[in-house]
Amino acid sequence: MKASAQQFLQWIRSHWSVESFHWTMDVSFREDHFQGYTGNLAENVSLLQRLTLMLLKQETSLKKSIAKKRDQASWNNDYLLKILGV
């Protein structure tokens, strides 16, 4: 299959955007170390992690990494409520 340089560039960018997302999930949530593979647990945890990532990215008052924002939310109920929009 022949492809133009523009198509090839699009494929590369698409691939790396997926890799970047998986790297963020692994660094922030240690996704690669997850052991819950029974029933719907893996799918449910993944959904909650993606939702959490989205909420943490939207919260911009702290200029910290996603992992540090997650830790801060676990220690500070006011910050957690701010992330949740309550």
N, C-alpha and C. Protein backbone atom coordinates (compact mmCIF):
# COMPACT_ATOMS: atom_id res chain seq x y z
N MET A 1 0.83 -1.17 0.00
CA MET A 1 0.00 0.00 0.00
C MET A 1 0.89 1.25 0.00
N LYS A 2 0.67 2.11 -0.92
CA LYS A 2 1.43 3.36 -0.99
C LYS A 2 0.66 4.45 -0.27
N ALA A 3 1.41 5.29 0.41
CA ALA A 3 0.80 6.41 1.12
C ALA A 3 1.63 7.66 0.88
N SER A 4 0.96 8.76 0.92
CA SER A 4 1.67 10.03 0.75
C SER A 4 2.38 10.38 2.06
N ALA A 5 3.29 11.31 1.98
CA ALA A 5 4.01 11.76 3.17
C ALA A 5 3.02 12.33 4.19
N GLN A 6 2.00 13.02 3.71
CA GLN A 6 1.00 13.61 4.60
C GLN A 6 0.22 12.51 5.34
N GLN A 7 -0.16 11.43 4.65
CA GLN A 7 -0.87 10.33 5.30
C GLN A 7 0.03 9.65 6.33
N PHE A 8 1.29 9.45 5.97
CA PHE A 8 2.23 8.81 6.88
C PHE A 8 2.40 9.65 8.14
N LEU A 9 2.53 10.97 7.98
CA LEU A 9 2.65 11.87 9.12
C LEU A 9 1.42 11.78 10.01
N GLN A 10 0.24 11.71 9.42
CA GLN A 10 -1.00 11.60 10.20
C GLN A 10 -1.03 10.30 10.99
N TRP A 11 -0.60 9.20 10.40
CA TRP A 11 -0.56 7.90 11.10
C TRP A 11 0.39 7.97 12.29
N ILE A 12 1.55 8.57 12.07
CA ILE A 12 2.55 8.68 13.15
C ILE A 12 1.99 9.53 14.30
N ARG A 13 1.41 10.67 13.98
CA ARG A 13 0.85 11.53 15.02
C ARG A 13 -0.28 10.84 15.77
N SER A 14 -1.11 10.13 15.06
CA SER A 14 -2.22 9.41 15.68
C SER A 14 -1.68 8.35 16.65
N HIS A 15 -0.67 7.62 16.21
CA HIS A 15 -0.07 6.58 17.06
C HIS A 15 0.51 7.20 18.33
N TRP A 16 1.25 8.28 18.21
CA TRP A 16 1.90 8.88 19.37
C TRP A 16 0.91 9.56 20.30
N SER A 17 -0.23 10.00 19.80
CA SER A 17 -1.23 10.56 20.71
C SER A 17 -1.79 9.46 21.60
N VAL A 18 -1.98 8.27 21.05
CA VAL A 18 -2.45 7.13 21.84
C VAL A 18 -1.37 6.72 22.85
N GLU A 19 -0.12 6.66 22.41
CA GLU A 19 0.98 6.30 23.31
C GLU A 19 1.11 7.32 24.44
N SER A 20 0.94 8.59 24.13
CA SER A 20 1.03 9.64 25.13
C SER A 20 -0.06 9.47 26.18
N PHE A 21 -1.28 9.15 25.73
CA PHE A 21 -2.39 8.92 26.66
C PHE A 21 -2.07 7.75 27.59
N HIS A 22 -1.59 6.64 27.03
CA HIS A 22 -1.29 5.46 27.85
C HIS A 22 -0.15 5.74 28.83
N TRP A 23 0.84 6.51 28.41
CA TRP A 23 1.93 6.86 29.30
C TRP A 23 1.40 7.70 30.46
N THR A 24 0.53 8.67 30.17
CA THR A 24 -0.06 9.50 31.23
C THR A 24 -0.85 8.64 32.21
N MET A 25 -1.64 7.71 31.70
CA MET A 25 -2.42 6.84 32.57
C MET A 25 -1.51 5.97 33.44
N ASP A 26 -0.42 5.47 32.87
CA ASP A 26 0.49 4.64 33.64
C ASP A 26 1.21 5.44 34.71
N VAL A 27 1.70 6.63 34.37
CA VAL A 27 2.41 7.45 35.33
C VAL A 27 1.47 7.95 36.42
N SER A 28 0.29 8.39 36.06
CA SER A 28 -0.64 8.98 37.03
C SER A 28 -1.38 7.96 37.87
N PHE A 29 -1.70 6.83 37.29
CA PHE A 29 -2.54 5.84 37.98
C PHE A 29 -1.89 4.46 38.09
N ARG A 30 -0.63 4.34 37.65
CA ARG A 30 0.08 3.05 37.68
C ARG A 30 -0.77 1.95 37.02
N GLU A 31 -1.34 2.29 35.90
CA GLU A 31 -2.26 1.42 35.18
C GLU A 31 -1.63 0.06 34.83
N ASP A 32 -0.35 0.03 34.52
CA ASP A 32 0.31 -1.23 34.15
C ASP A 32 0.40 -2.21 35.31
N HIS A 33 0.23 -1.72 36.54
CA HIS A 33 0.34 -2.59 37.72
C HIS A 33 -1.02 -3.08 38.22
N PHE A 34 -2.09 -2.71 37.52
CA PHE A 34 -3.43 -3.09 37.93
C PHE A 34 -3.62 -4.59 37.82
N GLN A 35 -4.17 -5.21 38.87
CA GLN A 35 -4.32 -6.66 38.91
C GLN A 35 -5.78 -7.13 38.84
N GLY A 36 -6.74 -6.22 38.75
CA GLY A 36 -8.14 -6.60 38.80
C GLY A 36 -8.69 -6.96 37.43
N TYR A 37 -8.62 -8.21 37.09
CA TYR A 37 -9.06 -8.64 35.77
C TYR A 37 -10.27 -9.55 35.82
N THR A 38 -11.07 -9.47 36.89
CA THR A 38 -12.24 -10.34 37.00
C THR A 38 -13.51 -9.56 36.69
N GLY A 39 -14.39 -10.17 35.96
CA GLY A 39 -15.67 -9.54 35.65
C GLY A 39 -15.49 -8.21 34.93
N ASN A 40 -16.28 -7.24 35.36
CA ASN A 40 -16.24 -5.91 34.76
C ASN A 40 -15.31 -4.95 35.50
N LEU A 41 -14.56 -5.45 36.47
CA LEU A 41 -13.73 -4.58 37.30
C LEU A 41 -12.74 -3.76 36.49
N ALA A 42 -12.01 -4.39 35.57
CA ALA A 42 -11.01 -3.68 34.79
C ALA A 42 -11.63 -2.55 33.97
N GLU A 43 -12.76 -2.83 33.35
CA GLU A 43 -13.44 -1.82 32.54
C GLU A 43 -13.96 -0.67 33.41
N ASN A 44 -14.53 -1.00 34.58
CA ASN A 44 -15.06 0.03 35.47
C ASN A 44 -13.96 0.91 36.03
N VAL A 45 -12.85 0.31 36.45
CA VAL A 45 -11.73 1.08 36.99
C VAL A 45 -11.15 1.96 35.89
N SER A 46 -11.02 1.45 34.69
CA SER A 46 -10.50 2.23 33.58
C SER A 46 -11.39 3.45 33.30
N LEU A 47 -12.68 3.25 33.32
CA LEU A 47 -13.62 4.35 33.11
C LEU A 47 -13.46 5.42 34.18
N LEU A 48 -13.37 5.00 35.44
CA LEU A 48 -13.20 5.96 36.54
C LEU A 48 -11.86 6.69 36.43
N GLN A 49 -10.82 6.00 36.01
CA GLN A 49 -9.51 6.64 35.85
C GLN A 49 -9.54 7.67 34.73
N ARG A 50 -10.19 7.37 33.62
CA ARG A 50 -10.28 8.33 32.52
C ARG A 50 -11.11 9.55 32.91
N LEU A 51 -12.18 9.33 33.66
CA LEU A 51 -13.00 10.43 34.16
C LEU A 51 -12.17 11.30 35.11
N THR A 52 -11.43 10.66 36.01
CA THR A 52 -10.58 11.39 36.95
C THR A 52 -9.52 12.19 36.21
N LEU A 53 -8.91 11.59 35.20
CA LEU A 53 -7.90 12.30 34.41
C LEU A 53 -8.50 13.54 33.76
N MET A 54 -9.67 13.41 33.20
CA MET A 54 -10.34 14.55 32.56
C MET A 54 -10.60 15.66 33.57
N LEU A 55 -11.11 15.32 34.75
CA LEU A 55 -11.39 16.32 35.78
C LEU A 55 -10.11 16.99 36.27
N LEU A 56 -9.05 16.21 36.45
CA LEU A 56 -7.78 16.78 36.92
C LEU A 56 -7.16 17.71 35.87
N LYS A 57 -7.31 17.37 34.60
CA LYS A 57 -6.78 18.24 33.54
C LYS A 57 -7.54 19.55 33.46
N GLN A 58 -8.84 19.52 33.76
CA GLN A 58 -9.66 20.73 33.69
C GLN A 58 -9.38 21.69 34.84
N GLU A 59 -8.90 21.17 35.97
CA GLU A 59 -8.65 22.00 37.14
C GLU A 59 -7.27 22.64 36.98
N THR A 60 -7.23 23.97 36.89
CA THR A 60 -5.98 24.66 36.57
C THR A 60 -5.44 25.55 37.67
N SER A 61 -6.06 25.55 38.87
CA SER A 61 -5.56 26.43 39.92
C SER A 61 -4.21 25.99 40.45
N LEU A 62 -3.94 24.70 40.43
CA LEU A 62 -2.63 24.19 40.83
C LEU A 62 -1.82 23.86 39.57
N LYS A 63 -0.64 24.38 39.49
CA LYS A 63 0.24 24.09 38.34
C LYS A 63 1.14 22.91 38.72
N LYS A 64 0.52 21.74 38.83
CA LYS A 64 1.23 20.53 39.23
C LYS A 64 0.88 19.40 38.27
N SER A 65 1.62 18.31 38.39
CA SER A 65 1.36 17.15 37.55
C SER A 65 0.01 16.52 37.93
N ILE A 66 -0.47 15.68 37.05
CA ILE A 66 -1.73 14.97 37.31
C ILE A 66 -1.61 14.13 38.58
N ALA A 67 -0.49 13.44 38.74
CA ALA A 67 -0.29 12.59 39.92
C ALA A 67 -0.29 13.43 41.19
N LYS A 68 0.34 14.59 41.17
CA LYS A 68 0.38 15.46 42.36
C LYS A 68 -1.00 16.06 42.64
N LYS A 69 -1.75 16.40 41.60
CA LYS A 69 -3.11 16.88 41.80
C LYS A 69 -3.97 15.78 42.42
N ARG A 70 -3.81 14.55 41.95
CA ARG A 70 -4.57 13.43 42.49
C ARG A 70 -4.24 13.24 43.97
N ASP A 71 -2.94 13.30 44.31
CA ASP A 71 -2.54 13.17 45.71
C ASP A 71 -3.13 14.30 46.54
N GLN A 72 -3.07 15.53 46.04
CA GLN A 72 -3.60 16.68 46.75
C GLN A 72 -5.10 16.50 47.02
N ALA A 73 -5.82 15.99 46.03
CA ALA A 73 -7.26 15.76 46.20
C ALA A 73 -7.54 14.70 47.25
N SER A 74 -6.63 13.73 47.41
CA SER A 74 -6.84 12.69 48.41
C SER A 74 -6.56 13.21 49.83
N TRP A 75 -5.77 14.27 49.95
CA TRP A 75 -5.43 14.82 51.26
C TRP A 75 -6.30 16.01 51.65
N ASN A 76 -6.89 16.68 50.69
CA ASN A 76 -7.57 17.95 50.93
C ASN A 76 -8.99 17.88 50.37
N ASN A 77 -9.96 17.75 51.25
CA ASN A 77 -11.36 17.62 50.80
C ASN A 77 -11.84 18.85 50.04
N ASP A 78 -11.38 20.03 50.43
CA ASP A 78 -11.79 21.25 49.72
C ASP A 78 -11.31 21.21 48.27
N TYR A 79 -10.08 20.76 48.08
CA TYR A 79 -9.56 20.67 46.70
C TYR A 79 -10.31 19.60 45.92
N LEU A 80 -10.63 18.48 46.56
CA LEU A 80 -11.41 17.42 45.91
C LEU A 80 -12.76 17.96 45.45
N LEU A 81 -13.44 18.70 46.32
CA LEU A 81 -14.73 19.27 45.95
C LEU A 81 -14.60 20.27 44.82
N LYS A 82 -13.50 21.02 44.80
CA LYS A 82 -13.25 21.98 43.72
C LYS A 82 -13.10 21.24 42.39
N ILE A 83 -12.38 20.13 42.39
CA ILE A 83 -12.20 19.32 41.17
C ILE A 83 -13.55 18.78 40.70
N LEU A 84 -14.35 18.33 41.65
CA LEU A 84 -15.65 17.74 41.31
C LEU A 84 -16.69 18.79 40.93
N GLY A 85 -16.37 20.07 41.16
CA GLY A 85 -17.28 21.14 40.80
C GLY A 85 -18.44 21.28 41.77
N VAL A 86 -18.23 20.88 42.99
CA VAL A 86 -19.30 20.95 44.01
C VAL A 86 -19.19 22.23 44.78
